[in-house]
Amino acid sequence: MKKKESTQVCPLCGGHKQPGRTTFSADIGEGVVVVRNVKATICSQCGEEWIDNPTAQELETVVADARQKRLQVEVTTF
């Protein structure tokens, strides 16, 4: 039980981490990728954001696809 409680505390400011949504962006050299409505954990005090590994892997796929297509701007929603 203690371990679960400690994961809910922001390691940066001590605030409370809670589920939320964020916007992810990546500069791909010749363009930019923006993904809106990404599932994240967000600190209610400082606003720091964390994206879990499965979501990060999906984002990597979106970025790789945009890079392969040589898009200047790619805006999508999860």
C-alpha atoms as a PDB file:
ATOM      1  CA  MET A   1       0.000   0.000   0.000  1.00  0.00           C
ATOM      2  CA  LYS A   2       2.805   2.450   0.792  1.00  0.00           C
ATOM      3  CA  LYS A   3       4.329   2.041  -2.653  1.00  0.00           C
ATOM      4  CA  LYS A   4       1.049   2.934  -4.386  1.00  0.00           C
ATOM      5  CA  GLU A   5       0.714   6.081  -2.270  1.00  0.00           C
ATOM      6  CA  SER A   6       4.268   7.184  -3.125  1.00  0.00           C
ATOM      7  CA  THR A   7       3.535   6.904  -6.854  1.00  0.00           C
ATOM      8  CA  GLN A   8       0.733   9.465  -6.413  1.00  0.00           C
ATOM      9  CA  VAL A   9       3.144  12.103  -5.082  1.00  0.00           C
ATOM     10  CA  CYS A  10       4.961  14.323  -7.568  1.00  0.00           C
ATOM     11  CA  PRO A  11       8.715  13.719  -7.198  1.00  0.00           C
ATOM     12  CA  LEU A  12       9.397  17.334  -8.201  1.00  0.00           C
ATOM     13  CA  CYS A  13       7.173  19.338  -5.868  1.00  0.00           C
ATOM     14  CA  GLY A  14       5.343  16.895  -3.611  1.00  0.00           C
ATOM     15  CA  GLY A  15       1.963  17.688  -5.178  1.00  0.00           C
ATOM     16  CA  HIS A  16      -0.691  15.122  -6.061  1.00  0.00           C
ATOM     17  CA  LYS A  17      -0.446  13.265  -9.384  1.00  0.00           C
ATOM     18  CA  GLN A  18      -3.759  12.598 -11.121  1.00  0.00           C
ATOM     19  CA  PRO A  19      -4.969  11.245 -14.472  1.00  0.00           C
ATOM     20  CA  GLY A  20      -5.494  13.799 -17.211  1.00  0.00           C
ATOM     21  CA  ARG A  21      -4.864  14.702 -20.836  1.00  0.00           C
ATOM     22  CA  THR A  22      -2.084  16.666 -22.498  1.00  0.00           C
ATOM     23  CA  THR A  23      -0.801  17.767 -25.890  1.00  0.00           C
ATOM     24  CA  PHE A  24       2.377  16.096 -27.133  1.00  0.00           C
ATOM     25  CA  SER A  25       4.605  17.713 -29.748  1.00  0.00           C
ATOM     26  CA  ALA A  26       7.796  16.593 -31.462  1.00  0.00           C
ATOM     27  CA  ASP A  27      10.169  18.406 -33.806  1.00  0.00           C
ATOM     28  CA  ILE A  28      11.046  15.964 -36.590  1.00  0.00           C
ATOM     29  CA  GLY A  29      13.634  18.119 -38.324  1.00  0.00           C
ATOM     30  CA  GLU A  30      11.766  19.190 -41.428  1.00  0.00           C
ATOM     31  CA  GLY A  31       8.433  19.408 -39.616  1.00  0.00           C
ATOM     32  CA  VAL A  32       6.496  19.102 -36.409  1.00  0.00           C
ATOM     33  CA  VAL A  33       4.036  16.560 -35.027  1.00  0.00           C
ATOM     34  CA  VAL A  34       1.301  17.601 -32.579  1.00  0.00           C
ATOM     35  CA  VAL A  35      -0.900  15.008 -30.887  1.00  0.00           C
ATOM     36  CA  ARG A  36      -3.778  16.321 -28.798  1.00  0.00           C
ATOM     37  CA  ASN A  37      -5.748  14.601 -26.045  1.00  0.00           C
ATOM     38  CA  VAL A  38      -2.933  12.257 -24.965  1.00  0.00           C
ATOM     39  CA  LYS A  39      -3.538  10.269 -21.772  1.00  0.00           C
ATOM     40  CA  ALA A  40      -1.092  11.400 -19.075  1.00  0.00           C
ATOM     41  CA  THR A  41      -0.561  11.717 -15.345  1.00  0.00           C
ATOM     42  CA  ILE A  42      -0.386  15.369 -14.314  1.00  0.00           C
ATOM     43  CA  CYS A  43       0.691  17.017 -11.063  1.00  0.00           C
ATOM     44  CA  SER A  44      -2.100  19.216  -9.721  1.00  0.00           C
ATOM     45  CA  GLN A  45       0.440  21.557  -8.124  1.00  0.00           C
ATOM     46  CA  CYS A  46       3.277  22.125 -10.616  1.00  0.00           C
ATOM     47  CA  GLY A  47       1.692  20.793 -13.823  1.00  0.00           C
ATOM     48  CA  GLU A  48       4.486  18.324 -14.636  1.00  0.00           C
ATOM     49  CA  GLU A  49       3.262  15.592 -16.973  1.00  0.00           C
ATOM     50  CA  TRP A  50       4.101  11.904 -17.353  1.00  0.00           C
ATOM     51  CA  ILE A  51       3.119   9.624 -20.249  1.00  0.00           C
ATOM     52  CA  ASP A  52       3.049   5.867 -19.624  1.00  0.00           C
ATOM     53  CA  ASN A  53       5.120   3.459 -21.744  1.00  0.00           C
ATOM     54  CA  PRO A  54       2.292   2.033 -23.911  1.00  0.00           C
ATOM     55  CA  THR A  55       1.140   5.564 -24.795  1.00  0.00           C
ATOM     56  CA  ALA A  56       4.735   6.632 -25.502  1.00  0.00           C
ATOM     57  CA  GLN A  57       5.118   3.695 -27.885  1.00  0.00           C
ATOM     58  CA  GLU A  58       1.980   4.761 -29.750  1.00  0.00           C
ATOM     59  CA  LEU A  59       3.333   8.310 -29.969  1.00  0.00           C
ATOM     60  CA  GLU A  60       6.628   6.990 -31.359  1.00  0.00           C
ATOM     61  CA  THR A  61       4.652   5.230 -34.108  1.00  0.00           C
ATOM     62  CA  VAL A  62       2.789   8.455 -34.975  1.00  0.00           C
ATOM     63  CA  VAL A  63       6.076  10.407 -35.104  1.00  0.00           C
ATOM     64  CA  ALA A  64       7.818   7.744 -37.211  1.00  0.00           C
ATOM     65  CA  ASP A  65       4.896   7.707 -39.652  1.00  0.00           C
ATOM     66  CA  ALA A  66       4.968  11.506 -40.033  1.00  0.00           C
ATOM     67  CA  ARG A  67       8.758  11.435 -40.506  1.00  0.00           C
ATOM     68  CA  GLN A  68       8.465   8.740 -43.185  1.00  0.00           C
ATOM     69  CA  LYS A  69       5.787  10.762 -45.025  1.00  0.00           C
ATOM     70  CA  ARG A  70       8.041  13.856 -44.732  1.00  0.00           C
ATOM     71  CA  LEU A  71       5.153  15.926 -43.438  1.00  0.00           C
ATOM     72  CA  GLN A  72       5.791  19.520 -42.438  1.00  0.00           C
ATOM     73  CA  VAL A  73       2.910  19.564 -39.967  1.00  0.00           C
ATOM     74  CA  GLU A  74       0.990  16.612 -38.590  1.00  0.00           C
ATOM     75  CA  VAL A  75      -1.809  17.343 -36.091  1.00  0.00           C
ATOM     76  CA  THR A  76      -3.840  14.446 -34.765  1.00  0.00           C
ATOM     77  CA  THR A  77      -5.926  13.432 -31.767  1.00  0.00           C
ATOM     78  CA  PHE A  78      -5.685  10.252 -29.716  1.00  0.00           C
END
